Amino acid sequence: TMLISACGLPQIKSPGPQITEKPNIENRDDEQNHSFIKDKSTEVIKALKDRDMEKLSKLVHPEKGVRFSPYGYVDAGKDLVFTASDVSGLLSDSTIYTWGSYDGSGDPIELTFEDYYKRFIYDVDFANAEHIGYNEILGKGNTLENSAEVYKGSIIVEYHFPGIDPQYEGMDWRSLRIAFEKAENTWYLVGIIHDEWTI
């Protein structure tokens, strides 16, 4: 079964990402993990940019799968989780899933994965994000951000744009957080969290 539980993108040029990190001794106690996660998160972002779900599936946690969260608050009971084997076929899956609720209206987010991908995963070119954070939340809005509580012992890499169009003065910021958990000495993808300005 697929469920464990219930491109025209803006091209944004920047001199290169500004990488920041907040030391987390409990979760990452050596530079080897840092370097490995940097490479792993780059693989994930490239697979998402290239719409290469086969490659992405190979990075997914073999037991926990990967959870998709449309906003910064991770609802562990409702956000959809897919197995590694199911991820490879998601872009061709015509099933309409309920991914959560839209900010503001509260209406259910009822989309195919293809449409969810366009709106709540790769809605801007995160591979060229202006800022990258390691275990540090860069995009901060009105929504409670609880990824560290849900993904205990994880390393979370955030790809962040502080703003897209200058006329919105930063109210159109975007973030994509990639959560990794370790299993048998390998770091696996367990969460993809999209975040943006909310009401």
Protein backbone atom coordinates (compact mmCIF):
# COMPACT_ATOMS: atom_id res chain seq x y z
CA THR A 1 0.00 0.00 0.00
CA MET A 2 1.17 3.45 -0.78
CA LEU A 3 0.21 5.30 2.36
CA ILE A 4 1.88 4.57 5.65
CA SER A 5 -0.24 7.22 7.31
CA ALA A 6 -2.66 9.46 6.83
CA CYS A 7 7.65 23.71 -14.27
CA GLY A 8 8.11 27.01 -14.79
CA LEU A 9 10.02 28.15 -11.78
CA PRO A 10 11.33 31.61 -10.98
CA GLN A 11 15.02 31.71 -11.77
CA ILE A 12 16.70 33.54 -8.93
CA LYS A 13 20.32 34.46 -9.31
CA SER A 14 22.56 35.00 -6.33
CA PRO A 15 26.32 35.15 -5.73
CA GLY A 16 26.08 31.84 -3.92
CA PRO A 17 24.39 30.50 -0.81
CA GLN A 18 25.30 31.89 2.57
CA ILE A 19 25.67 28.86 4.79
CA THR A 20 24.98 29.15 8.50
CA GLU A 21 24.76 26.55 11.18
CA LYS A 22 23.82 26.23 14.80
CA PRO A 23 26.00 23.69 16.60
CA ASN A 24 24.03 20.77 17.99
CA ILE A 25 26.30 18.56 20.05
CA GLU A 26 23.61 15.97 20.72
CA ASN A 27 22.68 15.45 17.09
CA ARG A 28 25.92 16.14 15.29
CA ASP A 29 29.11 15.70 17.24
CA ASP A 30 31.63 15.64 14.42
CA GLU A 31 32.46 17.26 11.13
CA GLN A 32 32.08 13.98 9.26
CA ASN A 33 28.30 14.04 9.77
CA HIS A 34 28.20 17.69 8.70
CA SER A 35 30.07 17.00 5.48
CA PHE A 36 28.06 13.87 4.74
CA ILE A 37 24.72 15.60 5.30
CA LYS A 38 25.79 18.50 3.11
CA ASP A 39 26.39 16.06 0.25
CA LYS A 40 23.21 14.11 1.01
CA SER A 41 21.00 17.21 1.09
CA THR A 42 22.50 18.37 -2.20
CA GLU A 43 21.53 15.00 -3.69
CA VAL A 44 17.96 15.43 -2.43
CA ILE A 45 17.60 18.98 -3.78
CA LYS A 46 19.06 17.97 -7.15
CA ALA A 47 16.68 15.01 -7.38
CA LEU A 48 13.74 17.29 -6.58
CA LYS A 49 14.86 19.91 -9.10
CA ASP A 50 15.33 17.23 -11.77
CA ARG A 51 12.05 15.52 -10.83
CA ASP A 52 14.08 12.33 -10.45
CA MET A 53 11.87 10.38 -8.08
CA GLU A 54 13.79 7.15 -8.65
CA LYS A 55 16.93 8.78 -7.29
CA LEU A 56 14.99 10.40 -4.45
CA SER A 57 13.49 7.06 -3.44
CA LYS A 58 16.96 5.63 -2.86
CA LEU A 59 17.61 8.35 -0.25
CA VAL A 60 14.40 7.70 1.72
CA HIS A 61 14.46 5.96 5.10
CA PRO A 62 13.83 2.24 4.45
CA GLU A 63 11.52 1.82 7.46
CA LYS A 64 10.04 5.24 8.25
CA GLY A 65 9.55 6.50 4.70
CA VAL A 66 9.36 10.25 4.06
CA ARG A 67 6.76 12.68 5.42
CA PHE A 68 5.56 15.66 3.35
CA SER A 69 4.54 18.80 5.25
CA PRO A 70 3.05 21.75 3.28
CA TYR A 71 3.82 24.31 6.01
CA GLY A 72 6.35 24.75 8.82
CA TYR A 73 4.23 22.96 11.41
CA VAL A 74 4.77 19.23 11.03
CA ASP A 75 1.55 17.38 11.87
CA ALA A 76 2.90 13.92 12.62
CA GLY A 77 -0.60 12.48 12.79
CA LYS A 78 -1.95 13.89 9.52
CA ASP A 79 0.91 14.73 7.16
CA LEU A 80 1.26 12.09 4.47
CA VAL A 81 4.08 9.57 4.64
CA PHE A 82 5.20 7.46 1.69
CA THR A 83 7.50 4.46 1.58
CA ALA A 84 10.78 4.53 -0.31
CA SER A 85 9.41 2.15 -2.94
CA ASP A 86 6.28 4.26 -3.48
CA VAL A 87 8.19 7.52 -3.87
CA SER A 88 9.64 6.47 -7.23
CA GLY A 89 6.20 6.49 -8.87
CA LEU A 90 4.64 9.53 -7.22
CA LEU A 91 4.92 11.92 -10.17
CA SER A 92 2.94 9.55 -12.37
CA ASP A 93 0.37 8.81 -9.66
CA SER A 94 -2.99 10.38 -10.53
CA THR A 95 -4.44 9.83 -7.04
CA ILE A 96 -5.73 12.99 -5.37
CA TYR A 97 -4.49 13.05 -1.78
CA THR A 98 -5.40 15.32 1.12
CA TRP A 99 -2.11 16.87 2.23
CA GLY A 100 -3.40 19.08 5.02
CA SER A 101 -5.25 22.41 5.05
CA TYR A 102 -4.54 25.65 3.21
CA ASP A 103 -3.36 28.52 5.37
CA GLY A 104 -6.01 31.18 5.77
CA SER A 105 -9.04 29.42 4.29
CA GLY A 106 -8.57 26.14 6.11
CA ASP A 107 -9.78 24.31 3.00
CA PRO A 108 -8.32 20.83 2.47
CA ILE A 109 -5.25 20.64 0.24
CA GLU A 110 -6.52 18.09 -2.26
CA LEU A 111 -3.92 17.57 -4.97
CA THR A 112 -2.12 14.92 -6.96
CA PHE A 113 1.54 14.60 -6.05
CA GLU A 114 2.44 16.39 -9.30
CA ASP A 115 0.41 19.44 -8.27
CA TYR A 116 1.59 19.24 -4.67
CA TYR A 117 5.18 19.18 -5.95
CA LYS A 118 4.61 22.38 -7.94
CA ARG A 119 2.97 24.23 -5.05
CA PHE A 120 4.45 22.81 -1.84
CA ILE A 121 7.83 21.32 -2.72
CA TYR A 122 9.68 22.93 -5.61
CA ASP A 123 7.75 26.18 -6.12
CA VAL A 124 11.00 28.15 -6.39
CA ASP A 125 14.50 27.08 -7.43
CA PHE A 126 15.73 25.83 -4.07
CA ALA A 127 18.88 24.39 -5.67
CA ASN A 128 20.03 28.01 -5.95
CA ALA A 129 18.79 29.17 -2.55
CA GLU A 130 20.34 32.34 -1.15
CA HIS A 131 20.84 30.79 2.29
CA ILE A 132 21.38 27.26 3.57
CA GLY A 133 21.06 26.45 7.26
CA TYR A 134 22.12 23.34 9.17
CA ASN A 135 19.95 22.69 12.23
CA GLU A 136 18.98 26.35 12.15
CA ILE A 137 15.58 27.73 11.20
CA LEU A 138 15.99 30.59 8.73
CA GLY A 139 12.41 31.16 7.60
CA LYS A 140 10.33 32.41 10.51
CA GLY A 141 6.67 33.34 10.31
CA ASN A 142 3.42 33.02 12.21
CA THR A 143 3.25 29.24 11.94
CA LEU A 144 4.63 27.20 14.81
CA GLU A 145 7.81 25.48 13.63
CA ASN A 146 8.23 22.10 15.35
CA SER A 147 10.48 20.06 13.07
CA ALA A 148 13.18 19.54 15.72
CA GLU A 149 10.58 18.13 18.12
CA VAL A 150 9.05 15.76 15.55
CA TYR A 151 12.37 14.67 14.08
CA LYS A 152 14.33 14.08 17.27
CA GLY A 153 17.99 13.24 16.76
CA SER A 154 17.80 14.43 13.18
CA ILE A 155 19.78 16.88 11.10
CA ILE A 156 17.62 19.38 9.24
CA VAL A 157 18.97 21.31 6.27
CA GLU A 158 17.01 24.39 5.23
CA TYR A 159 17.12 26.01 1.79
CA HIS A 160 15.83 29.56 2.11
CA PHE A 161 14.94 32.61 0.04
CA PRO A 162 14.32 35.71 2.22
CA GLY A 163 12.14 37.11 -0.56
CA ILE A 164 11.29 36.58 -4.22
CA ASP A 165 9.77 39.86 -5.47
CA PRO A 166 11.06 43.10 -3.87
CA GLN A 167 7.58 44.66 -3.92
CA TYR A 168 6.45 42.21 -1.23
CA GLU A 169 9.26 43.25 1.12
CA GLY A 170 10.05 39.72 2.26
CA MET A 171 6.47 38.55 2.76
CA ASP A 172 6.98 36.08 -0.08
CA TRP A 173 9.89 34.26 1.57
CA ARG A 174 10.22 30.52 0.96
CA SER A 175 11.96 27.67 2.73
CA LEU A 176 12.35 23.98 2.08
CA ARG A 177 13.59 21.90 5.01
CA ILE A 178 15.05 18.46 4.48
CA ALA A 179 15.14 16.19 7.55
CA PHE A 180 17.56 13.29 7.88
CA GLU A 181 17.66 10.54 10.49
CA LYS A 182 20.41 8.00 11.01
CA ALA A 183 19.87 4.25 10.72
CA GLU A 184 22.67 1.69 10.73
CA ASN A 185 25.35 4.34 10.17
CA THR A 186 23.54 5.86 7.19
CA TRP A 187 21.61 9.13 7.10
CA TYR A 188 18.23 8.83 5.38
CA LEU A 189 15.60 11.30 4.23
CA VAL A 190 12.56 11.29 6.56
CA GLY A 191 10.92 14.66 5.98
CA ILE A 192 10.36 17.34 3.33
CA ILE A 193 8.91 20.48 4.90
CA HIS A 194 7.80 23.46 2.83
CA ASP A 195 7.41 26.79 4.60
CA GLU A 196 6.34 30.31 3.67
CA TRP A 197 4.72 33.43 5.06
CA THR A 198 1.36 32.54 6.58
CA ILE A 199 -1.59 34.49 7.93
